[in-house]
């Protein structure tokens, strides 16, 4: 898939970016055409060789219908947060690396379920915050809303989810 200057794209694990330019860069003696991306969350720049876009998972923003489905899922039932924290952490890290919204919501729901039972470890809390930020920024971009509004909506959905889990016990 080819992207144009000004396109919004998702760089897995990093989030929504803008294609600022396409340039010729030299890597290891080879000249390659590259996308110069500006990460919205951190305002930092990433250079991705165009021929590697598929391998790194660079993709366009999700469709509005997909975002709406994801947000409905977030408001609904959760994922299982059981098992050993190391295994859960590894599985969730792999989900985030895909950059797919469905996987990111799975991470949020899994960790919200764990948080309903106990305090998250530092690493899991950091992962939870990162997954949430990835979701919020992409949903805000796709729906044309402020990140503050989307963040509030996600917070409310997660609070309801955690309350429901506590009531089940």
C-alpha atoms as a PDB file:
ATOM      1  CA  UNK A   1       0.000   0.000   0.000  1.00  0.00           C
ATOM      2  CA  UNK A   2       1.375   3.387  -0.993  1.00  0.00           C
ATOM      3  CA  UNK A   3       0.896   6.429   1.225  1.00  0.00           C
ATOM      4  CA  UNK A   4       1.013  10.077   0.234  1.00  0.00           C
ATOM      5  CA  UNK A   5       2.375  13.106   2.050  1.00  0.00           C
ATOM      6  CA  UNK A   6      -0.274  14.214   4.561  1.00  0.00           C
ATOM      7  CA  UNK A   7      -1.799  10.740   4.998  1.00  0.00           C
ATOM      8  CA  UNK A   8      -2.441   9.540   8.525  1.00  0.00           C
ATOM      9  CA  UNK A   9      -1.016   6.074   9.132  1.00  0.00           C
ATOM     10  CA  UNK A  10      -0.617   3.739  12.103  1.00  0.00           C
ATOM     11  CA  UNK A  11       2.859   2.587  13.045  1.00  0.00           C
ATOM     12  CA  UNK A  12       2.382  -0.484  15.289  1.00  0.00           C
ATOM     13  CA  UNK A  13       3.314   0.054  18.932  1.00  0.00           C
ATOM     14  CA  UNK A  14       3.830   3.765  18.247  1.00  0.00           C
ATOM     15  CA  UNK A  15       0.377   4.879  17.097  1.00  0.00           C
ATOM     16  CA  UNK A  16      -1.001   7.364  14.615  1.00  0.00           C
ATOM     17  CA  UNK A  17       1.515   9.259  12.501  1.00  0.00           C
ATOM     18  CA  UNK A  18       1.430  11.707   9.628  1.00  0.00           C
ATOM     19  CA  UNK A  19       3.468  11.100   6.471  1.00  0.00           C
ATOM     20  CA  UNK A  20       5.474  14.322   6.381  1.00  0.00           C
ATOM     21  CA  UNK A  21       7.583  13.533   3.338  1.00  0.00           C
ATOM     22  CA  UNK A  22       9.044  10.842   1.134  1.00  0.00           C
ATOM     23  CA  UNK A  23      12.815  10.955   0.857  1.00  0.00           C
ATOM     24  CA  UNK A  24      15.841   9.084  -0.407  1.00  0.00           C
ATOM     25  CA  UNK A  25      17.900   7.768   2.537  1.00  0.00           C
ATOM     26  CA  UNK A  26      21.112   5.783   2.607  1.00  0.00           C
ATOM     27  CA  UNK A  27      21.291   2.704   4.837  1.00  0.00           C
ATOM     28  CA  UNK A  28      24.342   0.459   4.773  1.00  0.00           C
ATOM     29  CA  UNK A  29      25.466   1.788   1.406  1.00  0.00           C
ATOM     30  CA  UNK A  30      22.030   1.327  -0.187  1.00  0.00           C
ATOM     31  CA  UNK A  31      19.757   4.195  -1.154  1.00  0.00           C
ATOM     32  CA  UNK A  32      16.091   3.605  -0.348  1.00  0.00           C
ATOM     33  CA  UNK A  33      12.896   5.593  -0.674  1.00  0.00           C
ATOM     34  CA  UNK A  34      11.494   6.198   2.791  1.00  0.00           C
ATOM     35  CA  UNK A  35       8.469   7.612   4.533  1.00  0.00           C
ATOM     36  CA  UNK A  36       9.271  10.289   7.090  1.00  0.00           C
ATOM     37  CA  UNK A  37       6.588   9.960   9.749  1.00  0.00           C
ATOM     38  CA  UNK A  38       5.688  12.347  12.557  1.00  0.00           C
ATOM     39  CA  UNK A  39       4.253  10.468  15.552  1.00  0.00           C
ATOM     40  CA  UNK A  40       1.257  12.406  16.856  1.00  0.00           C
ATOM     41  CA  UNK A  41       1.602  11.237  20.464  1.00  0.00           C
ATOM     42  CA  UNK A  42       5.257  12.204  20.929  1.00  0.00           C
ATOM     43  CA  UNK A  43       5.899  14.616  18.032  1.00  0.00           C
ATOM     44  CA  UNK A  44       8.979  12.567  17.166  1.00  0.00           C
ATOM     45  CA  UNK A  45      10.054  11.479  13.684  1.00  0.00           C
ATOM     46  CA  UNK A  46      10.435   7.939  12.375  1.00  0.00           C
ATOM     47  CA  UNK A  47      11.904   6.955   9.005  1.00  0.00           C
ATOM     48  CA  UNK A  48      10.508   3.799   7.423  1.00  0.00           C
ATOM     49  CA  UNK A  49      11.863   2.398   4.145  1.00  0.00           C
ATOM     50  CA  UNK A  50       8.896   2.087   1.785  1.00  0.00           C
ATOM     51  CA  UNK A  51       9.821  -1.485   0.900  1.00  0.00           C
ATOM     52  CA  UNK A  52       9.545  -2.411   4.620  1.00  0.00           C
ATOM     53  CA  UNK A  53       6.091  -0.922   5.255  1.00  0.00           C
ATOM     54  CA  UNK A  54       4.327  -4.267   5.103  1.00  0.00           C
ATOM     55  CA  UNK A  55       6.937  -6.011   7.238  1.00  0.00           C
ATOM     56  CA  UNK A  56       6.720  -3.399  10.013  1.00  0.00           C
ATOM     57  CA  UNK A  57       2.919  -3.351   9.787  1.00  0.00           C
ATOM     58  CA  UNK A  58       2.442   0.255   8.705  1.00  0.00           C
ATOM     59  CA  UNK A  59      -1.225   0.673   7.826  1.00  0.00           C
ATOM     60  CA  UNK A  60      -3.824   3.318   7.112  1.00  0.00           C
ATOM     61  CA  UNK A  61      -6.278   4.422   9.778  1.00  0.00           C
ATOM     62  CA  UNK A  62      -9.101   2.025  10.607  1.00  0.00           C
ATOM     63  CA  UNK A  63     -12.457   2.508   8.929  1.00  0.00           C
ATOM     64  CA  UNK A  64     -15.124   4.373  10.901  1.00  0.00           C
ATOM     65  CA  UNK A  65     -17.317   1.251  11.081  1.00  0.00           C
ATOM     66  CA  UNK A  66     -14.417  -0.714  12.617  1.00  0.00           C
ATOM     67  CA  UNK A  67     -13.782   2.015  15.184  1.00  0.00           C
ATOM     68  CA  UNK A  68     -17.456   2.032  16.141  1.00  0.00           C
ATOM     69  CA  UNK A  69     -17.410  -1.777  16.537  1.00  0.00           C
ATOM     70  CA  UNK A  70     -14.292  -1.565  18.696  1.00  0.00           C
ATOM     71  CA  UNK A  71     -15.820   1.075  20.948  1.00  0.00           C
ATOM     72  CA  UNK A  72     -18.984  -1.021  21.348  1.00  0.00           C
ATOM     73  CA  UNK A  73     -16.842  -3.999  22.276  1.00  0.00           C
ATOM     74  CA  UNK A  74     -14.995  -1.910  24.821  1.00  0.00           C
ATOM     75  CA  UNK A  75     -18.316  -1.024  26.439  1.00  0.00           C
ATOM     76  CA  UNK A  76     -19.385  -4.680  26.471  1.00  0.00           C
ATOM     77  CA  UNK A  77     -17.900  -7.896  27.789  1.00  0.00           C
ATOM     78  CA  UNK A  78     -14.258  -8.155  28.687  1.00  0.00           C
ATOM     79  CA  UNK A  79     -11.384 -10.459  28.000  1.00  0.00           C
ATOM     80  CA  UNK A  80      -9.958 -13.024  30.377  1.00  0.00           C
ATOM     81  CA  UNK A  81      -7.198 -11.597  32.537  1.00  0.00           C
ATOM     82  CA  UNK A  82      -6.257 -14.841  34.225  1.00  0.00           C
ATOM     83  CA  UNK A  83      -3.008 -16.732  34.266  1.00  0.00           C
ATOM     84  CA  UNK A  84       0.549 -15.951  35.206  1.00  0.00           C
ATOM     85  CA  UNK A  85       1.414 -12.265  34.867  1.00  0.00           C
ATOM     86  CA  UNK A  86       4.555 -13.012  32.800  1.00  0.00           C
ATOM     87  CA  UNK A  87       2.586 -15.039  30.251  1.00  0.00           C
ATOM     88  CA  UNK A  88      -0.168 -12.431  30.209  1.00  0.00           C
ATOM     89  CA  UNK A  89       2.398  -9.640  29.746  1.00  0.00           C
ATOM     90  CA  UNK A  90       4.081 -11.445  26.831  1.00  0.00           C
ATOM     91  CA  UNK A  91       0.737 -12.162  25.138  1.00  0.00           C
ATOM     92  CA  UNK A  92      -0.400  -8.569  25.569  1.00  0.00           C
ATOM     93  CA  UNK A  93       2.907  -7.237  24.249  1.00  0.00           C
ATOM     94  CA  UNK A  94       2.472  -9.339  21.107  1.00  0.00           C
ATOM     95  CA  UNK A  95      -1.064  -7.986  20.706  1.00  0.00           C
ATOM     96  CA  UNK A  96       0.157  -4.398  20.915  1.00  0.00           C
ATOM     97  CA  UNK A  97       2.919  -5.090  18.382  1.00  0.00           C
ATOM     98  CA  UNK A  98       0.297  -5.960  15.758  1.00  0.00           C
ATOM     99  CA  UNK A  99      -1.013  -2.398  15.876  1.00  0.00           C
ATOM    100  CA  UNK A 100      -4.550  -3.664  15.245  1.00  0.00           C
ATOM    101  CA  UNK A 101      -7.311  -1.962  17.219  1.00  0.00           C
ATOM    102  CA  UNK A 102      -9.025  -5.262  18.023  1.00  0.00           C
ATOM    103  CA  UNK A 103      -5.855  -6.515  19.682  1.00  0.00           C
ATOM    104  CA  UNK A 104      -5.319  -3.267  21.567  1.00  0.00           C
ATOM    105  CA  UNK A 105      -8.858  -3.421  22.967  1.00  0.00           C
ATOM    106  CA  UNK A 106      -8.168  -7.025  24.032  1.00  0.00           C
ATOM    107  CA  UNK A 107      -5.153  -5.767  25.989  1.00  0.00           C
ATOM    108  CA  UNK A 108      -7.204  -3.025  27.657  1.00  0.00           C
ATOM    109  CA  UNK A 109     -10.021  -5.386  28.597  1.00  0.00           C
ATOM    110  CA  UNK A 110      -7.623  -8.036  29.880  1.00  0.00           C
ATOM    111  CA  UNK A 111      -5.753  -5.568  32.049  1.00  0.00           C
ATOM    112  CA  UNK A 112      -8.968  -3.893  33.234  1.00  0.00           C
ATOM    113  CA  UNK A 113     -10.180  -7.313  34.357  1.00  0.00           C
ATOM    114  CA  UNK A 114      -6.940  -7.836  36.290  1.00  0.00           C
ATOM    115  CA  UNK A 115      -7.195  -4.327  37.773  1.00  0.00           C
ATOM    116  CA  UNK A 116     -10.692  -5.148  39.041  1.00  0.00           C
ATOM    117  CA  UNK A 117      -9.090  -7.848  41.252  1.00  0.00           C
ATOM    118  CA  UNK A 118      -5.766  -6.295  42.236  1.00  0.00           C
ATOM    119  CA  UNK A 119      -3.406  -3.432  41.579  1.00  0.00           C
ATOM    120  CA  UNK A 120      -1.571  -3.735  38.284  1.00  0.00           C
ATOM    121  CA  UNK A 121       2.195  -4.138  38.419  1.00  0.00           C
ATOM    122  CA  UNK A 122       4.254  -1.184  37.210  1.00  0.00           C
ATOM    123  CA  UNK A 123       4.922  -2.871  33.841  1.00  0.00           C
ATOM    124  CA  UNK A 124       1.281  -3.808  33.310  1.00  0.00           C
ATOM    125  CA  UNK A 125       0.121  -0.319  34.297  1.00  0.00           C
ATOM    126  CA  UNK A 126       2.556   1.167  31.793  1.00  0.00           C
ATOM    127  CA  UNK A 127       1.275  -1.253  29.124  1.00  0.00           C
ATOM    128  CA  UNK A 128      -2.340  -0.396  30.010  1.00  0.00           C
ATOM    129  CA  UNK A 129      -1.632   3.336  29.645  1.00  0.00           C
ATOM    130  CA  UNK A 130       0.198   2.790  26.350  1.00  0.00           C
ATOM    131  CA  UNK A 131      -2.586   0.635  24.865  1.00  0.00           C
ATOM    132  CA  UNK A 132      -5.158   3.182  25.975  1.00  0.00           C
ATOM    133  CA  UNK A 133      -3.219   6.009  24.347  1.00  0.00           C
ATOM    134  CA  UNK A 134      -2.923   4.048  21.077  1.00  0.00           C
ATOM    135  CA  UNK A 135      -6.685   3.471  21.056  1.00  0.00           C
ATOM    136  CA  UNK A 136      -7.632   7.027  22.008  1.00  0.00           C
ATOM    137  CA  UNK A 137      -5.489   8.720  19.374  1.00  0.00           C
ATOM    138  CA  UNK A 138      -6.659   6.504  16.506  1.00  0.00           C
ATOM    139  CA  UNK A 139     -10.344   6.723  17.478  1.00  0.00           C
ATOM    140  CA  UNK A 140     -10.054  10.515  17.792  1.00  0.00           C
ATOM    141  CA  UNK A 141      -8.428  10.794  14.353  1.00  0.00           C
ATOM    142  CA  UNK A 142     -10.945   8.516  12.634  1.00  0.00           C
ATOM    143  CA  UNK A 143     -13.997  10.109  14.274  1.00  0.00           C
ATOM    144  CA  UNK A 144     -12.680  13.676  14.044  1.00  0.00           C
ATOM    145  CA  UNK A 145     -13.025  14.211  17.807  1.00  0.00           C
ATOM    146  CA  UNK A 146     -10.697  15.544  20.451  1.00  0.00           C
ATOM    147  CA  UNK A 147      -8.481  13.081  22.262  1.00  0.00           C
ATOM    148  CA  UNK A 148      -9.884  14.450  25.535  1.00  0.00           C
ATOM    149  CA  UNK A 149     -13.453  13.441  24.565  1.00  0.00           C
ATOM    150  CA  UNK A 150     -12.401   9.985  23.419  1.00  0.00           C
ATOM    151  CA  UNK A 151     -10.230   9.490  26.489  1.00  0.00           C
ATOM    152  CA  UNK A 152     -13.180  10.341  28.731  1.00  0.00           C
ATOM    153  CA  UNK A 153     -15.375   7.849  26.847  1.00  0.00           C
ATOM    154  CA  UNK A 154     -12.747   5.111  27.120  1.00  0.00           C
ATOM    155  CA  UNK A 155     -12.261   5.870  30.835  1.00  0.00           C
ATOM    156  CA  UNK A 156     -16.008   5.570  31.480  1.00  0.00           C
ATOM    157  CA  UNK A 157     -16.231   2.292  29.553  1.00  0.00           C
ATOM    158  CA  UNK A 158     -13.291   0.814  31.440  1.00  0.00           C
ATOM    159  CA  UNK A 159     -14.671   1.955  34.810  1.00  0.00           C
ATOM    160  CA  UNK A 160     -18.021   0.302  34.028  1.00  0.00           C
ATOM    161  CA  UNK A 161     -16.176  -2.824  32.960  1.00  0.00           C
ATOM    162  CA  UNK A 162     -14.151  -2.976  36.186  1.00  0.00           C
ATOM    163  CA  UNK A 163     -17.230  -2.285  38.340  1.00  0.00           C
ATOM    164  CA  UNK A 164     -19.126  -5.079  36.600  1.00  0.00           C
ATOM    165  CA  UNK A 165     -16.244  -7.496  37.261  1.00  0.00           C
ATOM    166  CA  UNK A 166     -16.172  -6.595  40.948  1.00  0.00           C
ATOM    167  CA  UNK A 167     -19.959  -7.141  41.199  1.00  0.00           C
ATOM    168  CA  UNK A 168     -19.634 -10.594  39.582  1.00  0.00           C
ATOM    169  CA  UNK A 169     -17.322 -11.782  42.369  1.00  0.00           C
END
